[in-house]
PDB file of N, CA and C in Angstrom:
ATOM      1  N   UNK A   1     109.104 113.319  71.442  1.00  0.00           N
ATOM      2  CA  UNK A   1     109.550 112.642  72.640  1.00  0.00           C
ATOM      3  C   UNK A   1     109.812 113.638  73.769  1.00  0.00           C
ATOM      4  N   UNK A   2     110.301 114.834  73.409  1.00  0.00           N
ATOM      5  CA  UNK A   2     110.621 115.823  74.439  1.00  0.00           C
ATOM      6  C   UNK A   2     109.373 116.259  75.199  1.00  0.00           C
ATOM      7  N   UNK A   3     108.277 116.460  74.467  1.00  0.00           N
ATOM      8  CA  UNK A   3     107.036 116.884  75.127  1.00  0.00           C
ATOM      9  C   UNK A   3     106.511 115.789  76.054  1.00  0.00           C
ATOM     10  N   UNK A   4     106.630 114.542  75.630  1.00  0.00           N
ATOM     11  CA  UNK A   4     106.188 113.435  76.479  1.00  0.00           C
ATOM     12  C   UNK A   4     107.018 113.329  77.752  1.00  0.00           C
ATOM     13  N   UNK A   5     108.325 113.513  77.607  1.00  0.00           N
ATOM     14  CA  UNK A   5     109.199 113.475  78.781  1.00  0.00           C
ATOM     15  C   UNK A   5     108.836 114.608  79.741  1.00  0.00           C
ATOM     16  N   UNK A   6     108.588 115.793  79.190  1.00  0.00           N
ATOM     17  CA  UNK A   6     108.257 116.940  80.033  1.00  0.00           C
ATOM     18  C   UNK A   6     106.933 116.714  80.764  1.00  0.00           C
ATOM     19  N   UNK A   7     105.925 116.196  80.059  1.00  0.00           N
ATOM     20  CA  UNK A   7     104.632 115.920  80.686  1.00  0.00           C
ATOM     21  C   UNK A   7     104.794 114.850  81.761  1.00  0.00           C
ATOM     22  N   UNK A   8     105.581 113.811  81.475  1.00  0.00           N
ATOM     23  CA  UNK A   8     105.843 112.746  82.436  1.00  0.00           C
ATOM     24  C   UNK A   8     106.507 113.300  83.696  1.00  0.00           C
ATOM     25  N   UNK A   9     107.541 114.132  83.507  1.00  0.00           N
ATOM     26  CA  UNK A   9     108.277 114.697  84.643  1.00  0.00           C
ATOM     27  C   UNK A   9     107.380 115.613  85.468  1.00  0.00           C
ATOM     28  N   UNK A  10     106.655 116.518  84.808  1.00  0.00           N
ATOM     29  CA  UNK A  10     105.778 117.423  85.548  1.00  0.00           C
ATOM     30  C   UNK A  10     104.666 116.665  86.259  1.00  0.00           C
ATOM     31  N   UNK A  11     104.148 115.618  85.626  1.00  0.00           N
ATOM     32  CA  UNK A  11     103.109 114.812  86.261  1.00  0.00           C
ATOM     33  C   UNK A  11     103.607 114.151  87.538  1.00  0.00           C
ATOM     34  N   UNK A  12     104.824 113.589  87.484  1.00  0.00           N
ATOM     35  CA  UNK A  12     105.382 112.958  88.677  1.00  0.00           C
ATOM     36  C   UNK A  12     105.702 113.981  89.762  1.00  0.00           C
ATOM     37  N   UNK A  13     106.181 115.153  89.352  1.00  0.00           N
ATOM     38  CA  UNK A  13     106.489 116.185  90.350  1.00  0.00           C
ATOM     39  C   UNK A  13     105.203 116.660  91.028  1.00  0.00           C
ATOM     40  N   UNK A  14     104.150 116.873  90.246  1.00  0.00           N
ATOM     41  CA  UNK A  14     102.893 117.360  90.831  1.00  0.00           C
ATOM     42  C   UNK A  14     102.238 116.306  91.714  1.00  0.00           C
ATOM     43  N   UNK A  15     102.344 115.030  91.328  1.00  0.00           N
ATOM     44  CA  UNK A  15     101.719 113.984  92.130  1.00  0.00           C
ATOM     45  C   UNK A  15     102.535 113.647  93.373  1.00  0.00           C
ATOM     46  N   UNK A  16     103.798 114.028  93.410  1.00  0.00           N
ATOM     47  CA  UNK A  16     104.705 113.786  94.534  1.00  0.00           C
ATOM     48  C   UNK A  16     104.803 112.304  94.895  1.00  0.00           C
ATOM     49  N   UNK A  17     104.686 111.442  93.886  1.00  0.00           N
ATOM     50  CA  UNK A  17     104.851 110.009  94.096  1.00  0.00           C
ATOM     51  C   UNK A  17     106.317 109.696  94.379  1.00  0.00           C
ATOM     52  N   UNK A  18     107.194 110.352  93.639  1.00  0.00           N
ATOM     53  CA  UNK A  18     108.640 110.204  93.788  1.00  0.00           C
ATOM     54  C   UNK A  18     109.195 111.590  94.096  1.00  0.00           C
ATOM     55  N   UNK A  19     110.274 111.667  94.863  1.00  0.00           N
ATOM     56  CA  UNK A  19     110.871 112.960  95.206  1.00  0.00           C
ATOM     57  C   UNK A  19     111.274 113.699  93.934  1.00  0.00           C
ATOM     58  N   UNK A  20     111.060 115.014  93.924  1.00  0.00           N
ATOM     59  CA  UNK A  20     111.277 115.817  92.723  1.00  0.00           C
ATOM     60  C   UNK A  20     112.708 115.778  92.220  1.00  0.00           C
ATOM     61  N   UNK A  21     113.668 115.605  93.109  1.00  0.00           N
ATOM     62  CA  UNK A  21     115.056 115.503  92.663  1.00  0.00           C
ATOM     63  C   UNK A  21     115.261 114.246  91.845  1.00  0.00           C
ATOM     64  N   UNK A  22     114.693 113.144  92.317  1.00  0.00           N
ATOM     65  CA  UNK A  22     114.809 111.885  91.590  1.00  0.00           C
ATOM     66  C   UNK A  22     114.081 111.972  90.255  1.00  0.00           C
ATOM     67  N   UNK A  23     112.929 112.640  90.231  1.00  0.00           N
ATOM     68  CA  UNK A  23     112.174 112.797  88.985  1.00  0.00           C
ATOM     69  C   UNK A  23     112.970 113.625  87.983  1.00  0.00           C
ATOM     70  N   UNK A  24     113.624 114.680  88.446  1.00  0.00           N
ATOM     71  CA  UNK A  24     114.439 115.504  87.551  1.00  0.00           C
ATOM     72  C   UNK A  24     115.593 114.695  86.963  1.00  0.00           C
ATOM     73  N   UNK A  25     116.210 113.873  87.797  1.00  0.00           N
ATOM     74  CA  UNK A  25     117.299 113.014  87.291  1.00  0.00           C
ATOM     75  C   UNK A  25     116.766 111.989  86.291  1.00  0.00           C
ATOM     76  N   UNK A  26     115.583 111.452  86.556  1.00  0.00           N
ATOM     77  CA  UNK A  26     114.979 110.506  85.614  1.00  0.00           C
ATOM     78  C   UNK A  26     114.684 111.191  84.283  1.00  0.00           C
ATOM     79  N   UNK A  27     114.165 112.414  84.337  1.00  0.00           N
ATOM     80  CA  UNK A  27     113.876 113.158  83.112  1.00  0.00           C
ATOM     81  C   UNK A  27     115.131 113.452  82.314  1.00  0.00           C
ATOM     82  N   UNK A  28     116.199 113.843  82.999  1.00  0.00           N
ATOM     83  CA  UNK A  28     117.460 114.114  82.307  1.00  0.00           C
ATOM     84  C   UNK A  28     118.025 112.837  81.685  1.00  0.00           C
ATOM     85  N   UNK A  29     117.931 111.734  82.421  1.00  0.00           N
ATOM     86  CA  UNK A  29     118.421 110.456  81.909  1.00  0.00           C
ATOM     87  C   UNK A  29     117.614 110.005  80.698  1.00  0.00           C
ATOM     88  N   UNK A  30     116.292 110.158  80.765  1.00  0.00           N
ATOM     89  CA  UNK A  30     115.447 109.779  79.631  1.00  0.00           C
ATOM     90  C   UNK A  30     115.766 110.628  78.407  1.00  0.00           C
ATOM     91  N   UNK A  31     116.010 111.922  78.624  1.00  0.00           N
ATOM     92  CA  UNK A  31     116.340 112.804  77.513  1.00  0.00           C
ATOM     93  C   UNK A  31     117.642 112.372  76.851  1.00  0.00           C
ATOM     94  N   UNK A  32     118.675 112.107  77.652  1.00  0.00           N
ATOM     95  CA  UNK A  32     119.948 111.664  77.092  1.00  0.00           C
ATOM     96  C   UNK A  32     119.805 110.304  76.414  1.00  0.00           C
ATOM     97  N   UNK A  33     118.965 109.436  76.951  1.00  0.00           N
ATOM     98  CA  UNK A  33     118.734 108.121  76.347  1.00  0.00           C
ATOM     99  C   UNK A  33     118.110 108.272  74.964  1.00  0.00           C
ATOM    100  N   UNK A  34     117.075 109.115  74.853  1.00  0.00           N
ATOM    101  CA  UNK A  34     116.432 109.296  73.560  1.00  0.00           C
ATOM    102  C   UNK A  34     117.343 109.998  72.562  1.00  0.00           C
ATOM    103  N   UNK A  35     118.200 110.886  73.026  1.00  0.00           N
ATOM    104  CA  UNK A  35     119.197 111.481  72.132  1.00  0.00           C
ATOM    105  C   UNK A  35     120.186 110.421  71.641  1.00  0.00           C
ATOM    106  N   UNK A  36     120.564 109.506  72.530  1.00  0.00           N
ATOM    107  CA  UNK A  36     121.486 108.434  72.143  1.00  0.00           C
ATOM    108  C   UNK A  36     120.834 107.503  71.119  1.00  0.00           C
ATOM    109  N   UNK A  37     119.546 107.248  71.270  1.00  0.00           N
ATOM    110  CA  UNK A  37     118.847 106.408  70.296  1.00  0.00           C
ATOM    111  C   UNK A  37     118.850 107.029  68.904  1.00  0.00           C
ATOM    112  N   UNK A  38     118.879 108.342  68.844  1.00  0.00           N
ATOM    113  CA  UNK A  38     118.887 109.064  67.571  1.00  0.00           C
ATOM    114  C   UNK A  38     120.310 109.375  67.100  1.00  0.00           C
ATOM    115  N   UNK A  39     121.297 108.781  67.762  1.00  0.00           N
ATOM    116  CA  UNK A  39     122.719 109.031  67.457  1.00  0.00           C
ATOM    117  C   UNK A  39     123.071 110.511  67.560  1.00  0.00           C
ATOM    118  N   UNK A  40     122.470 111.210  68.515  1.00  0.00           N
ATOM    119  CA  UNK A  40     122.772 112.620  68.760  1.00  0.00           C
ATOM    120  C   UNK A  40     123.214 112.839  70.200  1.00  0.00           C
ATOM    121  N   UNK A  41     123.791 111.802  70.808  1.00  0.00           N
ATOM    122  CA  UNK A  41     124.208 111.895  72.207  1.00  0.00           C
ATOM    123  C   UNK A  41     125.343 112.908  72.347  1.00  0.00           C
ATOM    124  N   UNK A  42     125.187 113.868  73.254  1.00  0.00           N
ATOM    125  CA  UNK A  42     126.252 114.858  73.451  1.00  0.00           C
ATOM    126  C   UNK A  42     127.402 114.268  74.257  1.00  0.00           C
ATOM    127  N   UNK A  43     128.568 114.868  74.109  1.00  0.00           N
ATOM    128  CA  UNK A  43     129.711 114.434  74.909  1.00  0.00           C
ATOM    129  C   UNK A  43     129.574 114.983  76.329  1.00  0.00           C
ATOM    130  N   UNK A  44     130.363 114.440  77.230  1.00  0.00           N
ATOM    131  CA  UNK A  44     130.310 114.889  78.619  1.00  0.00           C
ATOM    132  C   UNK A  44     130.701 116.362  78.733  1.00  0.00           C
ATOM    133  N   UNK A  45     131.677 116.795  77.956  1.00  0.00           N
ATOM    134  CA  UNK A  45     132.075 118.210  78.011  1.00  0.00           C
ATOM    135  C   UNK A  45     130.948 119.122  77.532  1.00  0.00           C
ATOM    136  N   UNK A  46     130.165 118.663  76.567  1.00  0.00           N
ATOM    137  CA  UNK A  46     129.031 119.458  76.098  1.00  0.00           C
ATOM    138  C   UNK A  46     127.971 119.561  77.189  1.00  0.00           C
ATOM    139  N   UNK A  47     127.673 118.446  77.847  1.00  0.00           N
ATOM    140  CA  UNK A  47     126.666 118.447  78.916  1.00  0.00           C
ATOM    141  C   UNK A  47     127.122 119.345  80.062  1.00  0.00           C
ATOM    142  N   UNK A  48     128.382 119.249  80.450  1.00  0.00           N
ATOM    143  CA  UNK A  48     128.907 120.102  81.523  1.00  0.00           C
ATOM    144  C   UNK A  48     128.872 121.566  81.092  1.00  0.00           C
ATOM    145  N   UNK A  49     129.099 121.826  79.812  1.00  0.00           N
ATOM    146  CA  UNK A  49     129.025 123.193  79.292  1.00  0.00           C
ATOM    147  C   UNK A  49     127.628 123.775  79.354  1.00  0.00           C
ATOM    148  N   UNK A  50     126.600 122.915  79.314  1.00  0.00           N
ATOM    149  CA  UNK A  50     125.219 123.389  79.417  1.00  0.00           C
ATOM    150  C   UNK A  50     124.883 123.861  80.822  1.00  0.00           C
ATOM    151  N   UNK A  51     125.625 123.404  81.826  1.00  0.00           N
ATOM    152  CA  UNK A  51     125.324 123.771  83.209  1.00  0.00           C
ATOM    153  C   UNK A  51     125.910 125.145  83.532  1.00  0.00           C
ATOM    154  N   UNK A  52     125.133 125.961  84.200  1.00  0.00           N
ATOM    155  CA  UNK A  52     125.614 127.257  84.680  1.00  0.00           C
ATOM    156  C   UNK A  52     126.019 127.073  86.138  1.00  0.00           C
ATOM    157  N   UNK A  53     127.314 127.017  86.369  1.00  0.00           N
ATOM    158  CA  UNK A  53     127.811 126.693  87.706  1.00  0.00           C
ATOM    159  C   UNK A  53     127.514 127.790  88.729  1.00  0.00           C
ATOM    160  N   UNK A  54     127.430 129.025  88.278  1.00  0.00           N
ATOM    161  CA  UNK A  54     127.064 130.108  89.191  1.00  0.00           C
ATOM    162  C   UNK A  54     125.648 129.942  89.716  1.00  0.00           C
ATOM    163  N   UNK A  55     124.730 129.590  88.822  1.00  0.00           N
ATOM    164  CA  UNK A  55     123.343 129.365  89.226  1.00  0.00           C
ATOM    165  C   UNK A  55     123.239 128.153  90.141  1.00  0.00           C
ATOM    166  N   UNK A  56     123.950 127.087  89.804  1.00  0.00           N
ATOM    167  CA  UNK A  56     123.927 125.892  90.657  1.00  0.00           C
ATOM    168  C   UNK A  56     124.476 126.197  92.048  1.00  0.00           C
ATOM    169  N   UNK A  57     125.542 126.983  92.122  1.00  0.00           N
ATOM    170  CA  UNK A  57     126.098 127.358  93.423  1.00  0.00           C
ATOM    171  C   UNK A  57     125.134 128.207  94.234  1.00  0.00           C
ATOM    172  N   UNK A  58     124.464 129.142  93.554  1.00  0.00           N
ATOM    173  CA  UNK A  58     123.482 129.992  94.232  1.00  0.00           C
ATOM    174  C   UNK A  58     122.327 129.158  94.771  1.00  0.00           C
ATOM    175  N   UNK A  59     121.796 128.254  93.952  1.00  0.00           N
ATOM    176  CA  UNK A  59     120.698 127.397  94.399  1.00  0.00           C
ATOM    177  C   UNK A  59     121.124 126.498  95.552  1.00  0.00           C
ATOM    178  N   UNK A  60     122.308 125.928  95.472  1.00  0.00           N
ATOM    179  CA  UNK A  60     122.805 125.069  96.539  1.00  0.00           C
ATOM    180  C   UNK A  60     122.925 125.857  97.846  1.00  0.00           C
ATOM    181  N   UNK A  61     123.488 127.062  97.763  1.00  0.00           N
ATOM    182  CA  UNK A  61     123.627 127.899  98.950  1.00  0.00           C
ATOM    183  C   UNK A  61     122.286 128.272  99.559  1.00  0.00           C
ATOM    184  N   UNK A  62     121.306 128.604  98.702  1.00  0.00           N
ATOM    185  CA  UNK A  62     119.983 128.946  99.214  1.00  0.00           C
ATOM    186  C   UNK A  62     119.328 127.741  99.878  1.00  0.00           C
ATOM    187  N   UNK A  63     119.513 126.552  99.304  1.00  0.00           N
ATOM    188  CA  UNK A  63     118.923 125.352  99.908  1.00  0.00           C
ATOM    189  C   UNK A  63     119.544 125.061 101.267  1.00  0.00           C
ATOM    190  N   UNK A  64     120.834 125.299 101.408  1.00  0.00           N
ATOM    191  CA  UNK A  64     121.492 125.090 102.699  1.00  0.00           C
ATOM    192  C   UNK A  64     120.953 126.076 103.728  1.00  0.00           C
ATOM    193  N   UNK A  65     120.831 127.339 103.348  1.00  0.00           N
ATOM    194  CA  UNK A  65     120.332 128.362 104.272  1.00  0.00           C
ATOM    195  C   UNK A  65     118.898 128.062 104.682  1.00  0.00           C
ATOM    196  N   UNK A  66     118.040 127.708 103.724  1.00  0.00           N
ATOM    197  CA  UNK A  66     116.646 127.396 104.044  1.00  0.00           C
ATOM    198  C   UNK A  66     116.564 126.139 104.903  1.00  0.00           C
ATOM    199  N   UNK A  67     117.388 125.134 104.604  1.00  0.00           N
ATOM    200  CA  UNK A  67     117.379 123.911 105.402  1.00  0.00           C
ATOM    201  C   UNK A  67     117.746 124.159 106.844  1.00  0.00           C
ATOM    202  N   UNK A  68     118.729 125.026 107.068  1.00  0.00           N
ATOM    203  CA  UNK A  68     119.136 125.349 108.437  1.00  0.00           C
ATOM    204  C   UNK A  68     118.082 126.217 109.117  1.00  0.00           C
ATOM    205  N   UNK A  69     117.567 127.214 108.394  1.00  0.00           N
ATOM    206  CA  UNK A  69     116.580 128.132 108.960  1.00  0.00           C
ATOM    207  C   UNK A  69     115.269 127.412 109.264  1.00  0.00           C
ATOM    208  N   UNK A  70     114.919 126.425 108.450  1.00  0.00           N
ATOM    209  CA  UNK A  70     113.666 125.701 108.643  1.00  0.00           C
ATOM    210  C   UNK A  70     113.638 124.992 109.999  1.00  0.00           C
ATOM    211  N   UNK A  71     114.778 124.516 110.434  1.00  0.00           N
ATOM    212  CA  UNK A  71     114.844 123.806 111.718  1.00  0.00           C
ATOM    213  C   UNK A  71     114.571 124.724 112.907  1.00  0.00           C
ATOM    214  N   UNK A  72     114.769 126.020 112.730  1.00  0.00           N
ATOM    215  CA  UNK A  72     114.556 126.952 113.831  1.00  0.00           C
ATOM    216  C   UNK A  72     113.087 127.267 114.044  1.00  0.00           C
ATOM    217  N   UNK A  73     112.228 127.000 113.035  1.00  0.00           N
ATOM    218  CA  UNK A  73     110.811 127.309 113.146  1.00  0.00           C
ATOM    219  C   UNK A  73     110.467 128.727 112.746  1.00  0.00           C
ATOM    220  N   UNK A  74     111.409 129.435 112.146  1.00  0.00           N
ATOM    221  CA  UNK A  74     111.172 130.834 111.804  1.00  0.00           C
ATOM    222  C   UNK A  74     110.088 130.973 110.737  1.00  0.00           C
ATOM    223  N   UNK A  75     109.973 130.024 109.820  1.00  0.00           N
ATOM    224  CA  UNK A  75     108.959 130.142 108.776  1.00  0.00           C
ATOM    225  C   UNK A  75     107.555 129.958 109.353  1.00  0.00           C
ATOM    226  N   UNK A  76     107.398 129.040 110.298  1.00  0.00           N
ATOM    227  CA  UNK A  76     106.104 128.873 110.948  1.00  0.00           C
ATOM    228  C   UNK A  76     105.744 130.118 111.754  1.00  0.00           C
ATOM    229  N   UNK A  77     106.734 130.681 112.450  1.00  0.00           N
ATOM    230  CA  UNK A  77     106.506 131.892 113.236  1.00  0.00           C
ATOM    231  C   UNK A  77     106.082 133.045 112.330  1.00  0.00           C
ATOM    232  N   UNK A  78     106.749 133.185 111.180  1.00  0.00           N
ATOM    233  CA  UNK A  78     106.391 134.263 110.245  1.00  0.00           C
ATOM    234  C   UNK A  78     104.991 134.062 109.672  1.00  0.00           C
ATOM    235  N   UNK A  79     104.600 132.801 109.418  1.00  0.00           N
ATOM    236  CA  UNK A  79     103.256 132.524 108.917  1.00  0.00           C
ATOM    237  C   UNK A  79     102.186 132.879 109.925  1.00  0.00           C
ATOM    238  N   UNK A  80     102.418 132.503 111.181  1.00  0.00           N
ATOM    239  CA  UNK A  80     101.457 132.834 112.242  1.00  0.00           C
ATOM    240  C   UNK A  80     101.381 134.343 112.427  1.00  0.00           C
ATOM    241  N   UNK A  81     102.513 135.014 112.412  1.00  0.00           N
ATOM    242  CA  UNK A  81     102.538 136.473 112.558  1.00  0.00           C
ATOM    243  C   UNK A  81     101.785 137.150 111.416  1.00  0.00           C
ATOM    244  N   UNK A  82     101.983 136.662 110.183  1.00  0.00           N
ATOM    245  CA  UNK A  82     101.274 137.244 109.038  1.00  0.00           C
ATOM    246  C   UNK A  82      99.772 137.036 109.165  1.00  0.00           C
ATOM    247  N   UNK A  83      99.351 135.879 109.631  1.00  0.00           N
ATOM    248  CA  UNK A  83      97.911 135.626 109.816  1.00  0.00           C
ATOM    249  C   UNK A  83      97.329 136.552 110.881  1.00  0.00           C
ATOM    250  N   UNK A  84      98.063 136.755 111.958  1.00  0.00           N
ATOM    251  CA  UNK A  84      97.577 137.650 113.021  1.00  0.00           C
ATOM    252  C   UNK A  84      97.491 139.079 112.520  1.00  0.00           C
ATOM    253  N   UNK A  85      98.521 139.547 111.799  1.00  0.00           N
ATOM    254  CA  UNK A  85      98.531 140.924 111.317  1.00  0.00           C
ATOM    255  C   UNK A  85      97.462 141.175 110.260  1.00  0.00           C
ATOM    256  N   UNK A  86      97.089 140.137 109.515  1.00  0.00           N
ATOM    257  CA  UNK A  86      96.074 140.324 108.470  1.00  0.00           C
ATOM    258  C   UNK A  86      94.677 140.441 109.051  1.00  0.00           C
ATOM    259  N   UNK A  87      94.495 139.966 110.275  1.00  0.00           N
ATOM    260  CA  UNK A  87      93.185 140.055 110.919  1.00  0.00           C
ATOM    261  C   UNK A  87      92.128 139.200 110.223  1.00  0.00           C
ATOM    262  N   UNK A  88      92.530 138.167 109.528  1.00  0.00           N
ATOM    263  CA  UNK A  88      91.575 137.287 108.855  1.00  0.00           C
ATOM    264  C   UNK A  88      91.230 137.706 107.445  1.00  0.00           C
ATOM    265  N   UNK A  89      91.787 138.818 106.970  1.00  0.00           N
ATOM    266  CA  UNK A  89      91.507 139.289 105.611  1.00  0.00           C
ATOM    267  C   UNK A  89      92.496 138.643 104.633  1.00  0.00           C
ATOM    268  N   UNK A  90      91.958 137.946 103.645  1.00  0.00           N
ATOM    269  CA  UNK A  90      92.848 137.292 102.689  1.00  0.00           C
ATOM    270  C   UNK A  90      93.591 138.301 101.810  1.00  0.00           C
ATOM    271  N   UNK A  91      93.012 139.473 101.600  1.00  0.00           N
ATOM    272  CA  UNK A  91      93.671 140.488 100.800  1.00  0.00           C
ATOM    273  C   UNK A  91      94.879 141.081 101.538  1.00  0.00           C
ATOM    274  N   UNK A  92      94.694 141.354 102.832  1.00  0.00           N
ATOM    275  CA  UNK A  92      95.808 141.848 103.641  1.00  0.00           C
ATOM    276  C   UNK A  92      96.896 140.786 103.767  1.00  0.00           C
ATOM    277  N   UNK A  93      96.477 139.537 103.880  1.00  0.00           N
ATOM    278  CA  UNK A  93      97.445 138.441 103.983  1.00  0.00           C
ATOM    279  C   UNK A  93      98.284 138.353 102.713  1.00  0.00           C
ATOM    280  N   UNK A  94      97.625 138.488 101.557  1.00  0.00           N
ATOM    281  CA  UNK A  94      98.372 138.482 100.288  1.00  0.00           C
ATOM    282  C   UNK A  94      99.336 139.656 100.215  1.00  0.00           C
ATOM    283  N   UNK A  95      98.922 140.818 100.668  1.00  0.00           N
ATOM    284  CA  UNK A  95      99.808 141.988 100.677  1.00  0.00           C
ATOM    285  C   UNK A  95     100.995 141.770 101.620  1.00  0.00           C
ATOM    286  N   UNK A  96     100.736 141.148 102.759  1.00  0.00           N
ATOM    287  CA  UNK A  96     101.822 140.885 103.702  1.00  0.00           C
ATOM    288  C   UNK A  96     102.814 139.868 103.152  1.00  0.00           C
ATOM    289  N   UNK A  97     102.343 138.935 102.340  1.00  0.00           N
ATOM    290  CA  UNK A  97     103.225 137.924 101.784  1.00  0.00           C
ATOM    291  C   UNK A  97     104.106 138.472 100.655  1.00  0.00           C
ATOM    292  N   UNK A  98     103.701 139.582 100.077  1.00  0.00           N
ATOM    293  CA  UNK A  98     104.508 140.184  99.000  1.00  0.00           C
ATOM    294  C   UNK A  98     105.567 141.023  99.568  1.00  0.00           C
TER     295      UNK A  98
END
């Protein structure tokens, strides 16, 4: 069941039919549902223990910074600048992106 859930989740994320956040929540819910069907449902404290709060805080902070920075147009400006500096060479463009 786990492999099917993973394939289902990745398929929906790649097709972008539903927003990836909603798909991730659906995958987590399906996983907990199938664990409950097998009488192996974890307690809430166990599920919270599985979460790394430092990583979640870091990701949340990065999403806030990118969300604010995206509105300024800096990423589009950097993309145009990288294309100009590469002179049309895809190899130079790849080097500039690293």
